[in-house]
């Protein structure tokens, strides 16, 4: 499962937190990354280095979409009407 936060304002244009989770027999493995830096935030679980690198690659390739969705979510929380979503081709 992949979840993301709304856009967190900042001087650098803002940031988005992306969360990856999967169920285990004891609960969940989870990891969180901050965009745009791809900095890993403390996590718990047993993801391999290959899995973590795969997450980084997925986020790097799709950061523009996460920022777009996060901006819409932030606007909805503020009560502003989001712009119509037009997919990039």
C-alpha atoms as a PDB file:
ATOM      1  CA  UNK A   1       0.000   0.000   0.000  1.00  0.00           C
ATOM      2  CA  UNK A   2       1.256   3.474  -0.839  1.00  0.00           C
ATOM      3  CA  UNK A   3      -0.154   6.573   0.835  1.00  0.00           C
ATOM      4  CA  UNK A   4       0.849  10.209   0.600  1.00  0.00           C
ATOM      5  CA  UNK A   5       0.305  13.365   2.603  1.00  0.00           C
ATOM      6  CA  UNK A   6      -1.069  16.642   1.386  1.00  0.00           C
ATOM      7  CA  UNK A   7       1.427  19.288   0.281  1.00  0.00           C
ATOM      8  CA  UNK A   8       3.373  20.627   3.265  1.00  0.00           C
ATOM      9  CA  UNK A   9       4.261  24.299   2.592  1.00  0.00           C
ATOM     10  CA  UNK A  10       7.882  25.404   2.600  1.00  0.00           C
ATOM     11  CA  UNK A  11      10.345  27.854   1.114  1.00  0.00           C
ATOM     12  CA  UNK A  12      11.487  25.206  -1.354  1.00  0.00           C
ATOM     13  CA  UNK A  13       8.054  24.736  -2.928  1.00  0.00           C
ATOM     14  CA  UNK A  14       6.807  22.297  -0.337  1.00  0.00           C
ATOM     15  CA  UNK A  15       7.227  18.661   0.499  1.00  0.00           C
ATOM     16  CA  UNK A  16       5.154  15.499   0.402  1.00  0.00           C
ATOM     17  CA  UNK A  17       5.477  12.465   2.655  1.00  0.00           C
ATOM     18  CA  UNK A  18       5.036   9.072   0.987  1.00  0.00           C
ATOM     19  CA  UNK A  19       4.324   5.985   3.098  1.00  0.00           C
ATOM     20  CA  UNK A  20       4.722   2.356   2.069  1.00  0.00           C
ATOM     21  CA  UNK A  21       3.108  -0.386   4.171  1.00  0.00           C
ATOM     22  CA  UNK A  22       2.532  -4.109   3.953  1.00  0.00           C
ATOM     23  CA  UNK A  23       0.914  -6.488   6.434  1.00  0.00           C
ATOM     24  CA  UNK A  24       2.995  -9.041   8.317  1.00  0.00           C
ATOM     25  CA  UNK A  25       2.115 -11.740  10.814  1.00  0.00           C
ATOM     26  CA  UNK A  26       2.982  -9.334  13.642  1.00  0.00           C
ATOM     27  CA  UNK A  27       1.523  -6.096  12.242  1.00  0.00           C
ATOM     28  CA  UNK A  28       2.985  -4.030   9.418  1.00  0.00           C
ATOM     29  CA  UNK A  29       6.263  -3.222   7.757  1.00  0.00           C
ATOM     30  CA  UNK A  30       6.319   0.501   7.056  1.00  0.00           C
ATOM     31  CA  UNK A  31       8.669   3.075   5.629  1.00  0.00           C
ATOM     32  CA  UNK A  32       8.268   6.788   4.932  1.00  0.00           C
ATOM     33  CA  UNK A  33      10.087   9.029   2.457  1.00  0.00           C
ATOM     34  CA  UNK A  34      10.126  12.800   2.174  1.00  0.00           C
ATOM     35  CA  UNK A  35       9.874  14.313  -1.293  1.00  0.00           C
ATOM     36  CA  UNK A  36      11.572  15.902  -3.115  1.00  0.00           C
ATOM     37  CA  UNK A  37      14.743  14.787  -1.276  1.00  0.00           C
ATOM     38  CA  UNK A  38      13.812  11.073  -1.150  1.00  0.00           C
ATOM     39  CA  UNK A  39      15.125  11.136   2.423  1.00  0.00           C
ATOM     40  CA  UNK A  40      14.020   8.055   4.337  1.00  0.00           C
ATOM     41  CA  UNK A  41      12.360   8.889   7.658  1.00  0.00           C
ATOM     42  CA  UNK A  42      12.760   6.402  10.548  1.00  0.00           C
ATOM     43  CA  UNK A  43      10.705   3.306   9.914  1.00  0.00           C
ATOM     44  CA  UNK A  44       9.985  -0.106  11.317  1.00  0.00           C
ATOM     45  CA  UNK A  45       9.893  -3.378   9.534  1.00  0.00           C
ATOM     46  CA  UNK A  46      12.103  -5.588   7.479  1.00  0.00           C
ATOM     47  CA  UNK A  47      12.370  -4.133   3.992  1.00  0.00           C
ATOM     48  CA  UNK A  48      15.482  -5.197   2.092  1.00  0.00           C
ATOM     49  CA  UNK A  49      17.867  -2.677   0.536  1.00  0.00           C
ATOM     50  CA  UNK A  50      16.592  -3.774  -2.886  1.00  0.00           C
ATOM     51  CA  UNK A  51      12.997  -3.021  -1.829  1.00  0.00           C
ATOM     52  CA  UNK A  52      13.993   0.371  -0.436  1.00  0.00           C
ATOM     53  CA  UNK A  53      15.820   1.218  -3.658  1.00  0.00           C
ATOM     54  CA  UNK A  54      12.727   0.168  -5.615  1.00  0.00           C
ATOM     55  CA  UNK A  55      10.620   2.568  -3.531  1.00  0.00           C
ATOM     56  CA  UNK A  56      13.081   5.400  -4.206  1.00  0.00           C
ATOM     57  CA  UNK A  57      12.956   4.694  -7.942  1.00  0.00           C
ATOM     58  CA  UNK A  58       9.143   4.573  -7.935  1.00  0.00           C
ATOM     59  CA  UNK A  59       8.961   7.882  -6.075  1.00  0.00           C
ATOM     60  CA  UNK A  60      11.538   9.580  -8.301  1.00  0.00           C
ATOM     61  CA  UNK A  61       9.647   8.513 -11.436  1.00  0.00           C
ATOM     62  CA  UNK A  62       6.241   9.588 -10.068  1.00  0.00           C
ATOM     63  CA  UNK A  63       7.035  12.571  -7.837  1.00  0.00           C
ATOM     64  CA  UNK A  64       5.285  14.961 -10.228  1.00  0.00           C
ATOM     65  CA  UNK A  65       2.034  13.014  -9.822  1.00  0.00           C
ATOM     66  CA  UNK A  66       2.323  12.822  -6.048  1.00  0.00           C
ATOM     67  CA  UNK A  67       2.864  16.594  -5.904  1.00  0.00           C
ATOM     68  CA  UNK A  68      -0.166  17.168  -8.112  1.00  0.00           C
ATOM     69  CA  UNK A  69      -2.404  14.902  -6.016  1.00  0.00           C
ATOM     70  CA  UNK A  70      -1.028  16.350  -2.773  1.00  0.00           C
ATOM     71  CA  UNK A  71      -1.748  19.885  -4.002  1.00  0.00           C
ATOM     72  CA  UNK A  72      -5.355  18.952  -4.738  1.00  0.00           C
ATOM     73  CA  UNK A  73      -5.686  17.361  -1.286  1.00  0.00           C
ATOM     74  CA  UNK A  74      -4.222  20.464   0.397  1.00  0.00           C
ATOM     75  CA  UNK A  75      -6.696  22.647  -1.520  1.00  0.00           C
ATOM     76  CA  UNK A  76      -9.627  20.486  -0.451  1.00  0.00           C
ATOM     77  CA  UNK A  77      -8.538  20.772   3.184  1.00  0.00           C
ATOM     78  CA  UNK A  78      -8.456  24.579   2.805  1.00  0.00           C
ATOM     79  CA  UNK A  79     -11.888  24.524   1.202  1.00  0.00           C
ATOM     80  CA  UNK A  80     -10.744  25.692  -2.216  1.00  0.00           C
ATOM     81  CA  UNK A  81     -11.990  24.033  -5.358  1.00  0.00           C
ATOM     82  CA  UNK A  82      -9.224  22.067  -7.085  1.00  0.00           C
ATOM     83  CA  UNK A  83      -8.399  22.670 -10.729  1.00  0.00           C
ATOM     84  CA  UNK A  84      -9.625  20.044 -13.138  1.00  0.00           C
ATOM     85  CA  UNK A  85      -7.098  17.229 -13.381  1.00  0.00           C
ATOM     86  CA  UNK A  86      -5.677  16.847 -16.875  1.00  0.00           C
ATOM     87  CA  UNK A  87      -3.266  13.909 -17.232  1.00  0.00           C
ATOM     88  CA  UNK A  88       0.164  14.672 -18.701  1.00  0.00           C
ATOM     89  CA  UNK A  89       0.835  12.924 -22.003  1.00  0.00           C
END
